[in-house]
Structures are given as structure tokens and as C-alpha cells.
Amino acid sequence: MHIISDKVRQLMNYEGDIEPGFSVGAGLRLVLDSSGTGYMLTRWDGTIVLAWPGRTGVISVTTADLKQPEKVAITRVVRGIRQHRTPNWPLWHAMRKRSRGAFTLLPTADFV
């Protein structure tokens, strides 16, 4: 397993001394949302790229363009959130074209 996925899992399970705000690569960092129970991935300029409400709930991702290194970092985080799932990037590309908002659901597929 990748170290970023492990850190995300530890943070969500309140294990170890992992604190929000750590870098996940590609200029993205993991922070708590305003409720204190959910999480967000933000760029260093503060732009929210990904949000999820905590242990359960829907993962949403920006409809803006994502660079390949950002997709790799998001994939690592998603695999930490949902251990046996991975983003379905081709489906996300199709969904974001139809989206009318700044965010859309991040479709996932089984990951073994």
C-alpha cells in the first residue's frame, strides 16, 4: 500500500499522530472541512479539488481541469478512503462535461 493511502486511513481512524494539513503530492494537501468531520484536498492557493464528508458519504471532485500528477495524488487518497475502490477517470471526464456546477461525483471502480 502507498504511504499516502496509509496516512489517510490513519487520519480517518484516529490512529497514530497524523494531523490534517499534510501534503499528498502534486501541490495538494489534505485538510479538515469547516464542520471538522469531513476532509478536503486543496491546492496551495486554497482551491478545493476534492471533498468528502468523512467515513461515509459521497466523494465529490472539481469539474476543473486536473493535471495527471493531481489525478495520481487523488487516486492515492481515494484508495485510503475506500480501500478497495479506485477512481474511474474516463467516466469522470464524461460526467464533468455534463455537470452544471463546480463539483461532480467521483465515480469509482473495484480495485484489487
N, C-alpha and C. Protein backbone atom coordinates (compact mmCIF):
# COMPACT_ATOMS: atom_id res chain seq x y z
N MET A 1 0.85 -1.19 0.00
CA MET A 1 0.00 0.00 0.00
C MET A 1 0.89 1.24 0.00
N HIS A 2 0.41 2.29 -0.59
CA HIS A 2 1.15 3.53 -0.67
C HIS A 2 1.08 4.30 0.65
N ILE A 3 2.12 5.02 0.99
CA ILE A 3 2.19 5.71 2.27
C ILE A 3 1.09 6.77 2.41
N ILE A 4 0.71 7.44 1.33
CA ILE A 4 -0.36 8.45 1.40
C ILE A 4 -1.68 7.77 1.76
N SER A 5 -1.99 6.66 1.12
CA SER A 5 -3.22 5.92 1.45
C SER A 5 -3.22 5.50 2.91
N ASP A 6 -2.07 5.05 3.40
CA ASP A 6 -1.96 4.66 4.81
C ASP A 6 -2.19 5.85 5.74
N LYS A 7 -1.61 7.01 5.41
CA LYS A 7 -1.79 8.20 6.24
C LYS A 7 -3.25 8.65 6.27
N VAL A 8 -3.92 8.59 5.12
CA VAL A 8 -5.34 8.96 5.06
C VAL A 8 -6.16 8.03 5.94
N ARG A 9 -5.89 6.73 5.83
CA ARG A 9 -6.62 5.75 6.62
C ARG A 9 -6.39 5.97 8.12
N GLN A 10 -5.14 6.25 8.51
CA GLN A 10 -4.83 6.50 9.92
C GLN A 10 -5.54 7.76 10.42
N LEU A 11 -5.57 8.79 9.60
CA LEU A 11 -6.24 10.03 9.98
C LEU A 11 -7.73 9.79 10.19
N MET A 12 -8.36 9.06 9.28
CA MET A 12 -9.79 8.80 9.39
C MET A 12 -10.12 7.90 10.57
N ASN A 13 -9.21 7.01 10.95
CA ASN A 13 -9.44 6.09 12.06
C ASN A 13 -8.88 6.61 13.39
N TYR A 14 -8.38 7.84 13.39
CA TYR A 14 -7.80 8.46 14.59
C TYR A 14 -6.67 7.61 15.17
N GLU A 15 -5.83 7.08 14.30
CA GLU A 15 -4.70 6.26 14.73
C GLU A 15 -3.42 7.06 14.62
N GLY A 16 -2.48 6.80 15.50
CA GLY A 16 -1.18 7.45 15.43
C GLY A 16 -1.27 8.94 15.68
N ASP A 17 -0.28 9.66 15.20
CA ASP A 17 -0.23 11.10 15.43
C ASP A 17 -0.36 11.88 14.13
N ILE A 18 -1.14 11.36 13.19
CA ILE A 18 -1.35 12.01 11.90
C ILE A 18 -2.27 13.21 12.10
N GLU A 19 -1.86 14.36 11.59
CA GLU A 19 -2.63 15.59 11.69
C GLU A 19 -3.05 16.03 10.29
N PRO A 20 -4.23 16.64 10.15
CA PRO A 20 -4.63 17.19 8.85
C PRO A 20 -3.64 18.27 8.42
N GLY A 21 -3.58 18.52 7.13
CA GLY A 21 -2.70 19.54 6.59
C GLY A 21 -1.47 18.98 5.91
N PHE A 22 -1.36 17.64 5.85
CA PHE A 22 -0.17 17.07 5.23
C PHE A 22 -0.30 17.05 3.70
N SER A 23 0.83 17.11 3.04
CA SER A 23 0.89 17.10 1.59
C SER A 23 0.68 15.69 1.06
N VAL A 24 -0.08 15.59 -0.03
CA VAL A 24 -0.29 14.29 -0.67
C VAL A 24 0.38 14.26 -2.04
N GLY A 25 1.14 15.28 -2.36
CA GLY A 25 1.84 15.36 -3.63
C GLY A 25 1.11 16.23 -4.63
N ALA A 26 1.81 16.61 -5.69
CA ALA A 26 1.26 17.42 -6.79
C ALA A 26 0.72 18.76 -6.31
N GLY A 27 1.27 19.29 -5.22
CA GLY A 27 0.81 20.57 -4.71
C GLY A 27 -0.52 20.52 -3.99
N LEU A 28 -0.95 19.34 -3.60
CA LEU A 28 -2.23 19.18 -2.89
C LEU A 28 -1.97 18.81 -1.44
N ARG A 29 -2.86 19.29 -0.56
CA ARG A 29 -2.76 18.91 0.85
C ARG A 29 -4.14 18.56 1.38
N LEU A 30 -4.15 17.70 2.38
CA LEU A 30 -5.38 17.22 2.98
C LEU A 30 -5.70 18.06 4.20
N VAL A 31 -6.90 18.64 4.25
CA VAL A 31 -7.31 19.49 5.37
C VAL A 31 -8.70 19.08 5.83
N LEU A 32 -9.05 19.49 7.05
CA LEU A 32 -10.41 19.29 7.55
C LEU A 32 -11.34 20.31 6.93
N ASP A 33 -12.61 19.93 6.74
CA ASP A 33 -13.58 20.92 6.26
C ASP A 33 -14.06 21.77 7.43
N SER A 34 -14.94 22.72 7.17
CA SER A 34 -15.37 23.65 8.21
C SER A 34 -16.17 22.98 9.32
N SER A 35 -16.78 21.81 9.05
CA SER A 35 -17.54 21.11 10.08
C SER A 35 -16.62 20.37 11.05
N GLY A 36 -15.39 20.10 10.60
CA GLY A 36 -14.45 19.37 11.43
C GLY A 36 -14.61 17.86 11.36
N THR A 37 -15.57 17.40 10.57
CA THR A 37 -15.79 15.95 10.45
C THR A 37 -15.49 15.43 9.06
N GLY A 38 -15.39 16.30 8.09
CA GLY A 38 -15.11 15.91 6.71
C GLY A 38 -13.73 16.38 6.32
N TYR A 39 -13.34 16.04 5.10
CA TYR A 39 -12.00 16.35 4.63
C TYR A 39 -12.05 16.95 3.24
N MET A 40 -10.99 17.69 2.90
CA MET A 40 -10.86 18.26 1.57
C MET A 40 -9.42 18.15 1.11
N LEU A 41 -9.24 18.04 -0.18
CA LEU A 41 -7.93 18.18 -0.79
C LEU A 41 -7.92 19.56 -1.41
N THR A 42 -6.93 20.35 -1.07
CA THR A 42 -6.84 21.70 -1.62
C THR A 42 -5.50 21.92 -2.29
N ARG A 43 -5.51 22.79 -3.27
CA ARG A 43 -4.26 23.24 -3.87
C ARG A 43 -3.66 24.25 -2.91
N TRP A 44 -2.39 24.57 -3.11
CA TRP A 44 -1.73 25.52 -2.20
C TRP A 44 -2.37 26.89 -2.25
N ASP A 45 -3.06 27.23 -3.36
CA ASP A 45 -3.74 28.53 -3.44
C ASP A 45 -5.10 28.52 -2.76
N GLY A 46 -5.50 27.38 -2.18
CA GLY A 46 -6.75 27.27 -1.45
C GLY A 46 -7.90 26.70 -2.27
N THR A 47 -7.72 26.46 -3.56
CA THR A 47 -8.76 25.89 -4.40
C THR A 47 -9.08 24.47 -3.93
N ILE A 48 -10.35 24.19 -3.70
CA ILE A 48 -10.78 22.85 -3.29
C ILE A 48 -10.84 21.96 -4.53
N VAL A 49 -10.16 20.84 -4.46
CA VAL A 49 -10.11 19.90 -5.58
C VAL A 49 -11.01 18.69 -5.31
N LEU A 50 -11.06 18.24 -4.07
CA LEU A 50 -11.84 17.06 -3.70
C LEU A 50 -12.41 17.26 -2.30
N ALA A 51 -13.63 16.78 -2.08
CA ALA A 51 -14.25 16.88 -0.76
C ALA A 51 -15.01 15.61 -0.46
N TRP A 52 -14.97 15.20 0.81
CA TRP A 52 -15.80 14.07 1.25
C TRP A 52 -16.16 14.29 2.70
N PRO A 53 -17.39 13.91 3.09
CA PRO A 53 -17.91 14.25 4.41
C PRO A 53 -17.43 13.37 5.56
N GLY A 54 -16.47 12.52 5.36
CA GLY A 54 -15.98 11.69 6.46
C GLY A 54 -16.04 10.22 6.11
N ARG A 55 -16.35 9.42 7.10
CA ARG A 55 -16.28 7.96 6.93
C ARG A 55 -17.26 7.43 5.89
N THR A 56 -18.40 8.04 5.78
CA THR A 56 -19.37 7.64 4.77
C THR A 56 -19.70 8.86 3.95
N GLY A 57 -20.36 8.67 2.88
CA GLY A 57 -20.77 9.81 2.06
C GLY A 57 -20.11 9.79 0.70
N VAL A 58 -20.54 10.71 -0.11
CA VAL A 58 -20.14 10.79 -1.50
C VAL A 58 -18.86 11.61 -1.63
N ILE A 59 -17.95 11.11 -2.42
CA ILE A 59 -16.72 11.84 -2.73
C ILE A 59 -17.02 12.72 -3.94
N SER A 60 -16.79 14.01 -3.81
CA SER A 60 -17.00 14.90 -4.94
C SER A 60 -15.67 15.53 -5.33
N VAL A 61 -15.53 15.82 -6.61
CA VAL A 61 -14.29 16.34 -7.14
C VAL A 61 -14.61 17.51 -8.08
N THR A 62 -13.67 18.41 -8.21
CA THR A 62 -13.86 19.58 -9.05
C THR A 62 -14.13 19.19 -10.50
N THR A 63 -14.83 20.05 -11.22
CA THR A 63 -15.04 19.83 -12.64
C THR A 63 -13.98 20.56 -13.47
N ALA A 64 -13.08 21.25 -12.79
CA ALA A 64 -11.99 21.96 -13.48
C ALA A 64 -10.97 20.95 -14.00
N ASP A 65 -10.09 21.41 -14.84
CA ASP A 65 -9.04 20.54 -15.37
C ASP A 65 -8.12 20.09 -14.25
N LEU A 66 -7.76 18.83 -14.29
CA LEU A 66 -6.81 18.26 -13.33
C LEU A 66 -5.59 17.78 -14.10
N LYS A 67 -4.42 18.10 -13.58
CA LYS A 67 -3.18 17.61 -14.18
C LYS A 67 -3.01 16.14 -13.80
N GLN A 68 -2.23 15.41 -14.58
CA GLN A 68 -2.01 13.99 -14.30
C GLN A 68 -1.43 13.76 -12.90
N PRO A 69 -0.44 14.56 -12.43
CA PRO A 69 0.05 14.34 -11.06
C PRO A 69 -1.03 14.55 -9.99
N GLU A 70 -1.98 15.47 -10.25
CA GLU A 70 -3.09 15.66 -9.31
C GLU A 70 -4.00 14.44 -9.29
N LYS A 71 -4.24 13.85 -10.45
CA LYS A 71 -5.07 12.63 -10.52
C LYS A 71 -4.40 11.49 -9.76
N VAL A 72 -3.08 11.38 -9.88
CA VAL A 72 -2.35 10.32 -9.16
C VAL A 72 -2.50 10.54 -7.66
N ALA A 73 -2.34 11.78 -7.20
CA ALA A 73 -2.48 12.08 -5.77
C ALA A 73 -3.91 11.81 -5.30
N ILE A 74 -4.90 12.20 -6.09
CA ILE A 74 -6.30 11.95 -5.73
C ILE A 74 -6.56 10.45 -5.66
N THR A 75 -6.00 9.69 -6.58
CA THR A 75 -6.17 8.24 -6.57
C THR A 75 -5.64 7.65 -5.27
N ARG A 76 -4.49 8.10 -4.82
CA ARG A 76 -3.91 7.61 -3.55
C ARG A 76 -4.83 7.91 -2.38
N VAL A 77 -5.41 9.11 -2.37
CA VAL A 77 -6.30 9.50 -1.27
C VAL A 77 -7.58 8.67 -1.32
N VAL A 78 -8.15 8.51 -2.51
CA VAL A 78 -9.39 7.73 -2.65
C VAL A 78 -9.16 6.29 -2.19
N ARG A 79 -8.01 5.72 -2.50
CA ARG A 79 -7.72 4.36 -2.06
C ARG A 79 -7.54 4.29 -0.55
N GLY A 80 -7.23 5.41 0.08
CA GLY A 80 -7.20 5.47 1.54
C GLY A 80 -8.59 5.58 2.13
N ILE A 81 -9.47 6.31 1.44
CA ILE A 81 -10.85 6.48 1.91
C ILE A 81 -11.64 5.20 1.73
N ARG A 82 -11.60 4.68 0.51
CA ARG A 82 -12.32 3.47 0.15
C ARG A 82 -11.27 2.44 -0.28
N GLN A 83 -10.89 1.58 0.64
CA GLN A 83 -9.73 0.71 0.48
C GLN A 83 -9.73 -0.14 -0.79
N HIS A 84 -10.87 -0.59 -1.23
CA HIS A 84 -10.92 -1.49 -2.39
C HIS A 84 -11.54 -0.82 -3.61
N ARG A 85 -11.45 0.51 -3.67
CA ARG A 85 -12.01 1.27 -4.79
C ARG A 85 -10.93 2.18 -5.37
N THR A 86 -11.08 2.54 -6.62
CA THR A 86 -10.17 3.46 -7.30
C THR A 86 -10.99 4.35 -8.22
N PRO A 87 -10.57 5.59 -8.46
CA PRO A 87 -11.34 6.47 -9.34
C PRO A 87 -11.44 5.92 -10.76
N ASN A 88 -12.58 6.15 -11.37
CA ASN A 88 -12.82 5.80 -12.76
C ASN A 88 -12.67 7.10 -13.54
N TRP A 89 -11.46 7.43 -13.95
CA TRP A 89 -11.19 8.72 -14.59
C TRP A 89 -11.89 8.90 -15.93
N PRO A 90 -11.97 7.89 -16.80
CA PRO A 90 -12.71 8.09 -18.06
C PRO A 90 -14.18 8.46 -17.82
N LEU A 91 -14.83 7.83 -16.86
CA LEU A 91 -16.21 8.17 -16.55
C LEU A 91 -16.31 9.57 -15.95
N TRP A 92 -15.36 9.95 -15.12
CA TRP A 92 -15.34 11.31 -14.55
C TRP A 92 -15.26 12.35 -15.66
N HIS A 93 -14.42 12.11 -16.68
CA HIS A 93 -14.31 13.06 -17.80
C HIS A 93 -15.66 13.25 -18.48
N ALA A 94 -16.39 12.16 -18.67
CA ALA A 94 -17.71 12.25 -19.30
C ALA A 94 -18.70 12.98 -18.39
N MET A 95 -18.65 12.70 -17.09
CA MET A 95 -19.58 13.32 -16.14
C MET A 95 -19.32 14.82 -15.99
N ARG A 96 -18.07 15.21 -15.96
CA ARG A 96 -17.77 16.63 -15.74
C ARG A 96 -18.21 17.50 -16.90
N LYS A 97 -18.26 16.94 -18.10
CA LYS A 97 -18.73 17.70 -19.26
C LYS A 97 -20.20 18.06 -19.14
N ARG A 98 -20.96 17.19 -18.47
CA ARG A 98 -22.41 17.42 -18.30
C ARG A 98 -22.74 18.19 -17.03
N SER A 99 -21.78 18.34 -16.15
CA SER A 99 -22.04 18.98 -14.86
C SER A 99 -22.29 20.48 -15.03
N ARG A 100 -23.24 20.98 -14.26
CA ARG A 100 -23.53 22.41 -14.29
C ARG A 100 -22.89 23.14 -13.11
N GLY A 101 -22.29 22.40 -12.19
CA GLY A 101 -21.70 23.01 -11.00
C GLY A 101 -20.19 22.94 -11.02
N ALA A 102 -19.61 23.38 -9.92
CA ALA A 102 -18.15 23.36 -9.77
C ALA A 102 -17.63 21.99 -9.37
N PHE A 103 -18.53 21.13 -8.86
CA PHE A 103 -18.13 19.79 -8.41
C PHE A 103 -19.06 18.75 -9.02
N THR A 104 -18.55 17.53 -9.12
CA THR A 104 -19.34 16.39 -9.55
C THR A 104 -18.92 15.18 -8.74
N LEU A 105 -19.72 14.15 -8.76
CA LEU A 105 -19.36 12.92 -8.05
C LEU A 105 -18.12 12.31 -8.69
N LEU A 106 -17.31 11.66 -7.87
CA LEU A 106 -16.15 10.95 -8.39
C LEU A 106 -16.53 9.47 -8.49
N PRO A 107 -16.75 8.98 -9.71
CA PRO A 107 -17.09 7.56 -9.84
C PRO A 107 -15.89 6.69 -9.50
N THR A 108 -16.16 5.56 -8.88
CA THR A 108 -15.08 4.64 -8.53
C THR A 108 -15.39 3.25 -9.05
N ALA A 109 -14.34 2.46 -9.14
CA ALA A 109 -14.47 1.07 -9.59
C ALA A 109 -13.73 0.20 -8.61
N ASP A 110 -14.00 -1.10 -8.64
CA ASP A 110 -13.30 -2.03 -7.77
C ASP A 110 -11.81 -2.02 -8.05
N PHE A 111 -11.04 -2.09 -6.99
CA PHE A 111 -9.58 -2.11 -7.09
C PHE A 111 -9.09 -3.31 -6.29
N VAL A 112 -8.37 -4.18 -6.94
CA VAL A 112 -7.89 -5.36 -6.25
C VAL A 112 -6.38 -5.32 -6.19
